[in-house]
């Protein structure tokens, strides 16, 4: 397939590299940061200045942009937009955004003779490069079946969730629970250190008891060693917890743990730590670190 990629940061660029490896043609690269597009030039894609050019060159366009506003901008109904000349194209939107925006994108695409899917990712940069993402798909079932071979080349596990917006709802819940687990682990390890306990031993005990979690495996040692190279930033964690809390409000639910976790990630942003990995929340809980100084 001839594929365009909009949003060529760490995730978008590595998805493009993976699809090149398995025989697809990356024909267009676009990013609001020209340097990011240039960094993905090894895929062979043309670095293009306009969204309309991406659509012109591509059969399928994969978008990995930052938030609701960025998504609505690239699918704008006026000005430079992916919707220009979009008839017959398929747009696969991988960003974590509000479910309602996915529904609106589908409406706009179909009004222009195109189709869209949401492909919500529950994995990180290495999995994007290796084609082992966990993908949750929302949108028209027939479009999913048509795109299934391509999506399977991006993923190790592929699950169709339902109509537009439903995969985004599940993704919001995944990240909400992950963020709560991350905050809880940071507090547990911070308290363990303050008590003078051996953190290697504590993490080993956690791994064999009810304190175990996927976050312990991915973030525990990093919290201890203060290694917060970004795979999933605190800023993104705050955004995603906020999406989940808005869904809860619409459903008439109060989620105090999610609200407290969001407050912690917002505090990281206030302290200038938003670009750290989510494991950097430990900087708020370990004694003597920035958030406890």
C-alpha atoms as a PDB file:
ATOM      1  CA  UNK A   1       0.000   0.000   0.000  1.00  0.00           C
ATOM      2  CA  UNK A   2       0.963   3.624  -0.468  1.00  0.00           C
ATOM      3  CA  UNK A   3       0.897   5.052   3.056  1.00  0.00           C
ATOM      4  CA  UNK A   4       1.170   8.586   4.371  1.00  0.00           C
ATOM      5  CA  UNK A   5       2.033   9.372   7.985  1.00  0.00           C
ATOM      6  CA  UNK A   6       0.975  12.551   9.763  1.00  0.00           C
ATOM      7  CA  UNK A   7       2.728  13.002  13.096  1.00  0.00           C
ATOM      8  CA  UNK A   8       6.236  11.605  12.771  1.00  0.00           C
ATOM      9  CA  UNK A   9       7.358  11.720  16.378  1.00  0.00           C
ATOM     10  CA  UNK A  10       8.704   8.660  18.153  1.00  0.00           C
ATOM     11  CA  UNK A  11       5.587   6.541  17.586  1.00  0.00           C
ATOM     12  CA  UNK A  12       4.663   7.696  14.100  1.00  0.00           C
ATOM     13  CA  UNK A  13       8.192   7.401  12.737  1.00  0.00           C
ATOM     14  CA  UNK A  14       8.636   3.892  14.088  1.00  0.00           C
ATOM     15  CA  UNK A  15       5.285   2.742  12.730  1.00  0.00           C
ATOM     16  CA  UNK A  16       6.439   4.051   9.347  1.00  0.00           C
ATOM     17  CA  UNK A  17       9.738   2.152   9.636  1.00  0.00           C
ATOM     18  CA  UNK A  18       7.928  -1.056  10.534  1.00  0.00           C
ATOM     19  CA  UNK A  19       5.566  -0.798   7.567  1.00  0.00           C
ATOM     20  CA  UNK A  20       8.502  -0.118   5.253  1.00  0.00           C
ATOM     21  CA  UNK A  21      10.184  -3.277   6.541  1.00  0.00           C
ATOM     22  CA  UNK A  22       7.176  -5.416   5.619  1.00  0.00           C
ATOM     23  CA  UNK A  23       6.912  -4.069   2.086  1.00  0.00           C
ATOM     24  CA  UNK A  24       4.625  -1.043   2.122  1.00  0.00           C
ATOM     25  CA  UNK A  25       5.599   2.260   0.505  1.00  0.00           C
ATOM     26  CA  UNK A  26       5.744   5.269   2.771  1.00  0.00           C
ATOM     27  CA  UNK A  27       4.939   7.979   0.246  1.00  0.00           C
ATOM     28  CA  UNK A  28       4.379  11.060   2.447  1.00  0.00           C
ATOM     29  CA  UNK A  29       5.554  12.361   5.823  1.00  0.00           C
ATOM     30  CA  UNK A  30       4.123  15.443   7.517  1.00  0.00           C
ATOM     31  CA  UNK A  31       4.657  16.949  10.950  1.00  0.00           C
ATOM     32  CA  UNK A  32       4.151  20.417  12.408  1.00  0.00           C
ATOM     33  CA  UNK A  33       7.792  20.085  13.448  1.00  0.00           C
ATOM     34  CA  UNK A  34       9.759  19.835  10.167  1.00  0.00           C
ATOM     35  CA  UNK A  35      12.674  18.278  12.031  1.00  0.00           C
ATOM     36  CA  UNK A  36      10.519  15.355  13.110  1.00  0.00           C
ATOM     37  CA  UNK A  37       9.493  14.672   9.533  1.00  0.00           C
ATOM     38  CA  UNK A  38      13.141  14.894   8.417  1.00  0.00           C
ATOM     39  CA  UNK A  39      14.116  12.382  11.122  1.00  0.00           C
ATOM     40  CA  UNK A  40      11.776   9.835   9.524  1.00  0.00           C
ATOM     41  CA  UNK A  41      13.197  10.360   6.015  1.00  0.00           C
ATOM     42  CA  UNK A  42      14.930   6.965   6.208  1.00  0.00           C
ATOM     43  CA  UNK A  43      11.529   5.451   5.348  1.00  0.00           C
ATOM     44  CA  UNK A  44      11.783   6.945   1.868  1.00  0.00           C
ATOM     45  CA  UNK A  45       8.672   9.072   2.225  1.00  0.00           C
ATOM     46  CA  UNK A  46       8.391  12.497   0.644  1.00  0.00           C
ATOM     47  CA  UNK A  47       8.489  15.206   3.298  1.00  0.00           C
ATOM     48  CA  UNK A  48       5.502  17.326   2.391  1.00  0.00           C
ATOM     49  CA  UNK A  49       4.472  20.762   3.593  1.00  0.00           C
ATOM     50  CA  UNK A  50       0.716  20.358   3.317  1.00  0.00           C
ATOM     51  CA  UNK A  51      -1.860  17.912   4.556  1.00  0.00           C
ATOM     52  CA  UNK A  52      -3.601  17.923   1.184  1.00  0.00           C
ATOM     53  CA  UNK A  53      -0.397  16.594  -0.405  1.00  0.00           C
ATOM     54  CA  UNK A  54      -0.356  13.683   2.038  1.00  0.00           C
ATOM     55  CA  UNK A  55      -3.853  12.709   0.935  1.00  0.00           C
ATOM     56  CA  UNK A  56      -3.009  13.176  -2.739  1.00  0.00           C
ATOM     57  CA  UNK A  57      -0.099  10.716  -2.576  1.00  0.00           C
ATOM     58  CA  UNK A  58      -1.609   8.098  -0.268  1.00  0.00           C
ATOM     59  CA  UNK A  59      -4.116   5.267  -0.262  1.00  0.00           C
ATOM     60  CA  UNK A  60      -4.038   5.036   3.535  1.00  0.00           C
ATOM     61  CA  UNK A  61      -3.043   7.790   5.953  1.00  0.00           C
ATOM     62  CA  UNK A  62      -1.925   6.979   9.494  1.00  0.00           C
ATOM     63  CA  UNK A  63      -2.179   9.862  11.952  1.00  0.00           C
ATOM     64  CA  UNK A  64      -0.366  10.009  15.298  1.00  0.00           C
ATOM     65  CA  UNK A  65      -0.945  13.543  16.574  1.00  0.00           C
ATOM     66  CA  UNK A  66      -0.949  14.940  20.074  1.00  0.00           C
ATOM     67  CA  UNK A  67      -4.491  15.776  21.125  1.00  0.00           C
ATOM     68  CA  UNK A  68      -8.073  16.692  20.225  1.00  0.00           C
ATOM     69  CA  UNK A  69      -7.165  20.108  18.840  1.00  0.00           C
ATOM     70  CA  UNK A  70      -4.451  18.688  16.584  1.00  0.00           C
ATOM     71  CA  UNK A  71      -6.827  16.010  15.290  1.00  0.00           C
ATOM     72  CA  UNK A  72      -9.555  18.505  14.508  1.00  0.00           C
ATOM     73  CA  UNK A  73      -6.982  20.696  12.762  1.00  0.00           C
ATOM     74  CA  UNK A  74      -5.730  17.991  10.394  1.00  0.00           C
ATOM     75  CA  UNK A  75      -9.326  17.027   9.558  1.00  0.00           C
ATOM     76  CA  UNK A  76     -10.499  20.630   9.252  1.00  0.00           C
ATOM     77  CA  UNK A  77     -13.408  21.326   6.925  1.00  0.00           C
ATOM     78  CA  UNK A  78     -11.695  24.489   5.643  1.00  0.00           C
ATOM     79  CA  UNK A  79      -8.161  25.326   4.621  1.00  0.00           C
ATOM     80  CA  UNK A  80      -5.334  22.823   4.321  1.00  0.00           C
ATOM     81  CA  UNK A  81      -6.727  19.478   5.451  1.00  0.00           C
ATOM     82  CA  UNK A  82      -6.464  15.736   4.962  1.00  0.00           C
ATOM     83  CA  UNK A  83     -10.042  15.912   3.723  1.00  0.00           C
ATOM     84  CA  UNK A  84      -9.003  17.700   0.522  1.00  0.00           C
ATOM     85  CA  UNK A  85      -9.411  15.153  -2.280  1.00  0.00           C
ATOM     86  CA  UNK A  86     -10.039  12.428   0.298  1.00  0.00           C
ATOM     87  CA  UNK A  87     -12.516  10.328  -1.644  1.00  0.00           C
ATOM     88  CA  UNK A  88     -11.599   6.638  -1.498  1.00  0.00           C
ATOM     89  CA  UNK A  89      -8.920   7.076   1.171  1.00  0.00           C
ATOM     90  CA  UNK A  90      -8.802   5.373   4.568  1.00  0.00           C
ATOM     91  CA  UNK A  91      -7.548   7.270   7.614  1.00  0.00           C
ATOM     92  CA  UNK A  92      -6.246   5.270  10.580  1.00  0.00           C
ATOM     93  CA  UNK A  93      -6.052   7.497  13.632  1.00  0.00           C
ATOM     94  CA  UNK A  94      -3.704   6.246  16.357  1.00  0.00           C
ATOM     95  CA  UNK A  95      -3.669   9.204  18.749  1.00  0.00           C
ATOM     96  CA  UNK A  96      -5.204   8.998  22.218  1.00  0.00           C
ATOM     97  CA  UNK A  97      -7.983  11.551  21.942  1.00  0.00           C
ATOM     98  CA  UNK A  98     -11.530  12.027  23.184  1.00  0.00           C
ATOM     99  CA  UNK A  99     -14.014   9.440  21.872  1.00  0.00           C
ATOM    100  CA  UNK A 100     -16.319  12.176  20.600  1.00  0.00           C
ATOM    101  CA  UNK A 101     -13.549  13.482  18.343  1.00  0.00           C
ATOM    102  CA  UNK A 102     -13.172  10.054  16.719  1.00  0.00           C
ATOM    103  CA  UNK A 103     -16.916  10.054  16.047  1.00  0.00           C
ATOM    104  CA  UNK A 104     -16.680  13.511  14.483  1.00  0.00           C
ATOM    105  CA  UNK A 105     -13.673  12.515  12.351  1.00  0.00           C
ATOM    106  CA  UNK A 106     -15.620   9.552  10.998  1.00  0.00           C
ATOM    107  CA  UNK A 107     -18.530  11.834  10.141  1.00  0.00           C
ATOM    108  CA  UNK A 108     -16.291  14.290   8.313  1.00  0.00           C
ATOM    109  CA  UNK A 109     -14.429  11.569   6.429  1.00  0.00           C
ATOM    110  CA  UNK A 110     -17.606   9.884   5.264  1.00  0.00           C
ATOM    111  CA  UNK A 111     -19.008  13.229   4.136  1.00  0.00           C
ATOM    112  CA  UNK A 112     -15.972  13.477   1.826  1.00  0.00           C
ATOM    113  CA  UNK A 113     -16.243   9.919   0.498  1.00  0.00           C
ATOM    114  CA  UNK A 114     -13.483   8.580   2.744  1.00  0.00           C
ATOM    115  CA  UNK A 115     -13.416   6.187   5.687  1.00  0.00           C
ATOM    116  CA  UNK A 116     -11.729   6.211   9.081  1.00  0.00           C
ATOM    117  CA  UNK A 117     -10.771   3.908  11.911  1.00  0.00           C
ATOM    118  CA  UNK A 118      -9.414   4.565  15.371  1.00  0.00           C
ATOM    119  CA  UNK A 119      -6.454   2.325  16.184  1.00  0.00           C
ATOM    120  CA  UNK A 120      -5.757   2.969  19.855  1.00  0.00           C
ATOM    121  CA  UNK A 121      -2.331   1.820  20.988  1.00  0.00           C
ATOM    122  CA  UNK A 122      -1.614   0.306  24.395  1.00  0.00           C
ATOM    123  CA  UNK A 123       2.121  -0.085  23.809  1.00  0.00           C
ATOM    124  CA  UNK A 124       5.184   2.067  23.355  1.00  0.00           C
ATOM    125  CA  UNK A 125       8.093   2.903  21.058  1.00  0.00           C
ATOM    126  CA  UNK A 126       9.858  -0.507  20.845  1.00  0.00           C
ATOM    127  CA  UNK A 127       6.568  -2.222  20.005  1.00  0.00           C
ATOM    128  CA  UNK A 128       5.825   0.339  17.282  1.00  0.00           C
ATOM    129  CA  UNK A 129       9.191  -0.419  15.688  1.00  0.00           C
ATOM    130  CA  UNK A 130       8.816  -4.186  16.000  1.00  0.00           C
ATOM    131  CA  UNK A 131       5.200  -4.351  14.834  1.00  0.00           C
ATOM    132  CA  UNK A 132       4.032  -5.753  18.167  1.00  0.00           C
ATOM    133  CA  UNK A 133       1.613  -3.034  19.271  1.00  0.00           C
ATOM    134  CA  UNK A 134      -1.562  -3.901  21.165  1.00  0.00           C
ATOM    135  CA  UNK A 135      -4.237  -2.263  19.016  1.00  0.00           C
ATOM    136  CA  UNK A 136      -7.869  -1.579  19.902  1.00  0.00           C
ATOM    137  CA  UNK A 137      -9.951  -0.711  16.862  1.00  0.00           C
ATOM    138  CA  UNK A 138     -13.108   1.350  16.588  1.00  0.00           C
ATOM    139  CA  UNK A 139     -15.156   2.232  13.529  1.00  0.00           C
ATOM    140  CA  UNK A 140     -17.096   0.497  10.784  1.00  0.00           C
ATOM    141  CA  UNK A 141     -16.634  -3.264  10.968  1.00  0.00           C
ATOM    142  CA  UNK A 142     -16.300  -3.628   7.193  1.00  0.00           C
ATOM    143  CA  UNK A 143     -13.525  -1.009   7.099  1.00  0.00           C
ATOM    144  CA  UNK A 144     -11.726  -2.857   9.883  1.00  0.00           C
ATOM    145  CA  UNK A 145     -11.934  -6.145   7.957  1.00  0.00           C
ATOM    146  CA  UNK A 146     -10.543  -4.448   4.849  1.00  0.00           C
ATOM    147  CA  UNK A 147      -7.652  -2.936   6.846  1.00  0.00           C
ATOM    148  CA  UNK A 148      -7.058  -5.994   9.032  1.00  0.00           C
ATOM    149  CA  UNK A 149      -3.993  -7.253   7.080  1.00  0.00           C
ATOM    150  CA  UNK A 150      -2.271  -3.872   7.410  1.00  0.00           C
ATOM    151  CA  UNK A 151      -3.190  -3.496  11.085  1.00  0.00           C
ATOM    152  CA  UNK A 152      -1.952  -7.029  11.786  1.00  0.00           C
ATOM    153  CA  UNK A 153       1.457  -6.039  10.447  1.00  0.00           C
ATOM    154  CA  UNK A 154       1.577  -3.292  13.079  1.00  0.00           C
ATOM    155  CA  UNK A 155       0.452  -5.412  16.003  1.00  0.00           C
ATOM    156  CA  UNK A 156       0.962  -8.565  18.016  1.00  0.00           C
ATOM    157  CA  UNK A 157      -2.593  -8.379  19.309  1.00  0.00           C
ATOM    158  CA  UNK A 158      -5.481  -6.835  17.416  1.00  0.00           C
ATOM    159  CA  UNK A 159      -8.958  -6.393  18.909  1.00  0.00           C
ATOM    160  CA  UNK A 160     -12.028  -4.867  17.318  1.00  0.00           C
ATOM    161  CA  UNK A 161     -13.964  -3.064  20.059  1.00  0.00           C
ATOM    162  CA  UNK A 162     -16.964  -1.565  18.264  1.00  0.00           C
ATOM    163  CA  UNK A 163     -18.299   1.530  16.576  1.00  0.00           C
ATOM    164  CA  UNK A 164     -16.450   4.839  16.407  1.00  0.00           C
ATOM    165  CA  UNK A 165     -15.461   6.123  19.835  1.00  0.00           C
ATOM    166  CA  UNK A 166     -15.676   2.776  21.647  1.00  0.00           C
ATOM    167  CA  UNK A 167     -12.005   1.843  21.302  1.00  0.00           C
ATOM    168  CA  UNK A 168     -11.069   5.310  22.527  1.00  0.00           C
ATOM    169  CA  UNK A 169     -13.255   4.792  25.586  1.00  0.00           C
ATOM    170  CA  UNK A 170     -11.456   1.536  26.400  1.00  0.00           C
ATOM    171  CA  UNK A 171      -8.056   3.163  25.797  1.00  0.00           C
ATOM    172  CA  UNK A 172      -8.953   5.969  28.203  1.00  0.00           C
ATOM    173  CA  UNK A 173      -9.779   3.377  30.854  1.00  0.00           C
ATOM    174  CA  UNK A 174      -6.548   1.474  30.206  1.00  0.00           C
ATOM    175  CA  UNK A 175      -4.456   4.595  30.695  1.00  0.00           C
ATOM    176  CA  UNK A 176      -6.479   5.781  33.678  1.00  0.00           C
ATOM    177  CA  UNK A 177      -5.866   2.487  35.518  1.00  0.00           C
ATOM    178  CA  UNK A 178      -2.215   2.402  34.414  1.00  0.00           C
ATOM    179  CA  UNK A 179      -1.690   5.925  35.722  1.00  0.00           C
ATOM    180  CA  UNK A 180      -3.315   5.070  39.063  1.00  0.00           C
ATOM    181  CA  UNK A 181      -1.078   1.994  39.339  1.00  0.00           C
ATOM    182  CA  UNK A 182       1.985   4.095  38.526  1.00  0.00           C
ATOM    183  CA  UNK A 183       1.145   6.674  41.188  1.00  0.00           C
ATOM    184  CA  UNK A 184       0.467   3.941  43.748  1.00  0.00           C
ATOM    185  CA  UNK A 185       3.745   2.183  43.008  1.00  0.00           C
ATOM    186  CA  UNK A 186       5.669   5.463  43.371  1.00  0.00           C
ATOM    187  CA  UNK A 187       4.106   6.018  46.796  1.00  0.00           C
ATOM    188  CA  UNK A 188       4.846   2.454  47.912  1.00  0.00           C
ATOM    189  CA  UNK A 189       8.475   2.599  46.859  1.00  0.00           C
ATOM    190  CA  UNK A 190       8.882   6.123  48.232  1.00  0.00           C
ATOM    191  CA  UNK A 191       7.595   5.032  51.625  1.00  0.00           C
ATOM    192  CA  UNK A 192       9.770   1.896  51.534  1.00  0.00           C
ATOM    193  CA  UNK A 193      12.878   4.002  50.995  1.00  0.00           C
ATOM    194  CA  UNK A 194      11.878   6.404  53.779  1.00  0.00           C
ATOM    195  CA  UNK A 195      11.582   3.390  56.113  1.00  0.00           C
ATOM    196  CA  UNK A 196      15.091   2.291  55.225  1.00  0.00           C
ATOM    197  CA  UNK A 197      13.993  -0.854  53.394  1.00  0.00           C
ATOM    198  CA  UNK A 198      16.009  -2.467  50.611  1.00  0.00           C
ATOM    199  CA  UNK A 199      14.113  -1.448  47.470  1.00  0.00           C
ATOM    200  CA  UNK A 200      15.380  -4.422  45.474  1.00  0.00           C
ATOM    201  CA  UNK A 201      13.872  -6.711  48.094  1.00  0.00           C
ATOM    202  CA  UNK A 202      10.663  -4.697  48.227  1.00  0.00           C
ATOM    203  CA  UNK A 203      10.218  -4.859  44.466  1.00  0.00           C
ATOM    204  CA  UNK A 204      10.848  -8.617  44.538  1.00  0.00           C
ATOM    205  CA  UNK A 205       8.192  -9.039  47.243  1.00  0.00           C
ATOM    206  CA  UNK A 206       5.766  -6.824  45.337  1.00  0.00           C
ATOM    207  CA  UNK A 207       6.249  -9.018  42.261  1.00  0.00           C
ATOM    208  CA  UNK A 208       5.072 -12.115  44.148  1.00  0.00           C
ATOM    209  CA  UNK A 209       2.121 -10.578  45.977  1.00  0.00           C
ATOM    210  CA  UNK A 210      -0.998  -8.510  45.445  1.00  0.00           C
ATOM    211  CA  UNK A 211       1.193  -5.442  44.871  1.00  0.00           C
ATOM    212  CA  UNK A 212       2.326  -6.854  41.522  1.00  0.00           C
ATOM    213  CA  UNK A 213       1.447  -5.043  38.315  1.00  0.00           C
ATOM    214  CA  UNK A 214       2.675  -4.504  34.788  1.00  0.00           C
ATOM    215  CA  UNK A 215       3.829  -1.056  35.941  1.00  0.00           C
ATOM    216  CA  UNK A 216       6.095  -2.671  38.546  1.00  0.00           C
ATOM    217  CA  UNK A 217       7.852  -4.497  35.710  1.00  0.00           C
ATOM    218  CA  UNK A 218       8.190  -1.485  33.433  1.00  0.00           C
ATOM    219  CA  UNK A 219       8.710   1.375  35.904  1.00  0.00           C
ATOM    220  CA  UNK A 220       9.790   0.064  39.308  1.00  0.00           C
ATOM    221  CA  UNK A 221      13.550  -0.043  38.740  1.00  0.00           C
ATOM    222  CA  UNK A 222      13.410   3.281  36.875  1.00  0.00           C
ATOM    223  CA  UNK A 223      11.706   4.952  39.840  1.00  0.00           C
ATOM    224  CA  UNK A 224      14.412   3.616  42.132  1.00  0.00           C
ATOM    225  CA  UNK A 225      17.285   4.643  39.843  1.00  0.00           C
ATOM    226  CA  UNK A 226      15.693   7.970  38.789  1.00  0.00           C
ATOM    227  CA  UNK A 227      15.909   6.941  35.133  1.00  0.00           C
ATOM    228  CA  UNK A 228      12.942   8.625  33.467  1.00  0.00           C
ATOM    229  CA  UNK A 229      13.749   8.452  29.750  1.00  0.00           C
ATOM    230  CA  UNK A 230      10.428   9.107  28.105  1.00  0.00           C
ATOM    231  CA  UNK A 231       8.338   6.279  26.674  1.00  0.00           C
ATOM    232  CA  UNK A 232       5.020   7.705  27.855  1.00  0.00           C
ATOM    233  CA  UNK A 233       5.313  11.215  29.207  1.00  0.00           C
ATOM    234  CA  UNK A 234       3.759  12.643  32.354  1.00  0.00           C
ATOM    235  CA  UNK A 235       2.139  15.281  30.153  1.00  0.00           C
ATOM    236  CA  UNK A 236       0.407  12.563  28.130  1.00  0.00           C
ATOM    237  CA  UNK A 237      -0.560  10.744  31.322  1.00  0.00           C
ATOM    238  CA  UNK A 238      -2.288  13.892  32.536  1.00  0.00           C
ATOM    239  CA  UNK A 239      -4.099  14.294  29.220  1.00  0.00           C
ATOM    240  CA  UNK A 240      -5.345  10.711  29.218  1.00  0.00           C
ATOM    241  CA  UNK A 241      -6.479  10.722  32.848  1.00  0.00           C
ATOM    242  CA  UNK A 242      -8.345  13.921  32.031  1.00  0.00           C
ATOM    243  CA  UNK A 243     -10.157  12.205  29.142  1.00  0.00           C
ATOM    244  CA  UNK A 244     -11.238   9.381  31.459  1.00  0.00           C
ATOM    245  CA  UNK A 245     -12.463  11.791  34.110  1.00  0.00           C
ATOM    246  CA  UNK A 246     -14.538  13.688  31.549  1.00  0.00           C
ATOM    247  CA  UNK A 247     -16.127  10.387  30.522  1.00  0.00           C
ATOM    248  CA  UNK A 248     -16.843   9.662  34.187  1.00  0.00           C
ATOM    249  CA  UNK A 249     -18.462  13.041  34.639  1.00  0.00           C
ATOM    250  CA  UNK A 250     -20.665  12.445  31.601  1.00  0.00           C
ATOM    251  CA  UNK A 251     -21.660   9.077  33.091  1.00  0.00           C
ATOM    252  CA  UNK A 252     -22.446  10.647  36.484  1.00  0.00           C
ATOM    253  CA  UNK A 253     -19.588   8.923  38.327  1.00  0.00           C
ATOM    254  CA  UNK A 254     -17.007  10.224  40.792  1.00  0.00           C
ATOM    255  CA  UNK A 255     -13.575   8.576  40.543  1.00  0.00           C
ATOM    256  CA  UNK A 256     -11.487   9.863  43.458  1.00  0.00           C
ATOM    257  CA  UNK A 257      -8.372   7.783  42.711  1.00  0.00           C
ATOM    258  CA  UNK A 258      -8.302   8.924  39.101  1.00  0.00           C
ATOM    259  CA  UNK A 259      -8.797  12.526  40.219  1.00  0.00           C
ATOM    260  CA  UNK A 260      -5.942  12.304  42.731  1.00  0.00           C
ATOM    261  CA  UNK A 261      -3.658  10.767  40.114  1.00  0.00           C
ATOM    262  CA  UNK A 262      -4.483  13.498  37.623  1.00  0.00           C
ATOM    263  CA  UNK A 263      -3.597  16.074  40.279  1.00  0.00           C
ATOM    264  CA  UNK A 264      -0.182  14.450  40.710  1.00  0.00           C
ATOM    265  CA  UNK A 265       0.572  14.514  36.990  1.00  0.00           C
ATOM    266  CA  UNK A 266      -0.628  18.100  36.752  1.00  0.00           C
ATOM    267  CA  UNK A 267       1.743  18.907  39.611  1.00  0.00           C
ATOM    268  CA  UNK A 268       4.584  17.356  37.613  1.00  0.00           C
ATOM    269  CA  UNK A 269       3.758  19.707  34.748  1.00  0.00           C
ATOM    270  CA  UNK A 270       3.724  22.686  37.134  1.00  0.00           C
ATOM    271  CA  UNK A 271       7.185  21.682  38.399  1.00  0.00           C
ATOM    272  CA  UNK A 272       8.516  21.440  34.847  1.00  0.00           C
ATOM    273  CA  UNK A 273       8.620  17.636  34.908  1.00  0.00           C
ATOM    274  CA  UNK A 274       5.932  16.999  32.311  1.00  0.00           C
ATOM    275  CA  UNK A 275       8.413  15.778  29.690  1.00  0.00           C
ATOM    276  CA  UNK A 276       9.711  13.027  31.962  1.00  0.00           C
ATOM    277  CA  UNK A 277       8.364   9.514  31.582  1.00  0.00           C
ATOM    278  CA  UNK A 278       5.321   8.724  33.725  1.00  0.00           C
ATOM    279  CA  UNK A 279       7.731   6.914  36.080  1.00  0.00           C
ATOM    280  CA  UNK A 280       8.922  10.414  37.005  1.00  0.00           C
ATOM    281  CA  UNK A 281       5.941  10.669  39.343  1.00  0.00           C
ATOM    282  CA  UNK A 282       8.354   9.089  41.834  1.00  0.00           C
ATOM    283  CA  UNK A 283      10.063  12.482  41.965  1.00  0.00           C
ATOM    284  CA  UNK A 284       6.989  13.633  43.908  1.00  0.00           C
ATOM    285  CA  UNK A 285       6.996  10.790  46.425  1.00  0.00           C
ATOM    286  CA  UNK A 286      10.580   9.877  47.311  1.00  0.00           C
ATOM    287  CA  UNK A 287      11.963  11.805  50.271  1.00  0.00           C
ATOM    288  CA  UNK A 288      14.527  14.404  49.292  1.00  0.00           C
ATOM    289  CA  UNK A 289      13.518  14.539  45.666  1.00  0.00           C
ATOM    290  CA  UNK A 290      12.064  17.605  44.001  1.00  0.00           C
ATOM    291  CA  UNK A 291       8.459  17.120  45.011  1.00  0.00           C
ATOM    292  CA  UNK A 292       9.310  16.323  48.642  1.00  0.00           C
ATOM    293  CA  UNK A 293      12.085  18.877  49.118  1.00  0.00           C
END
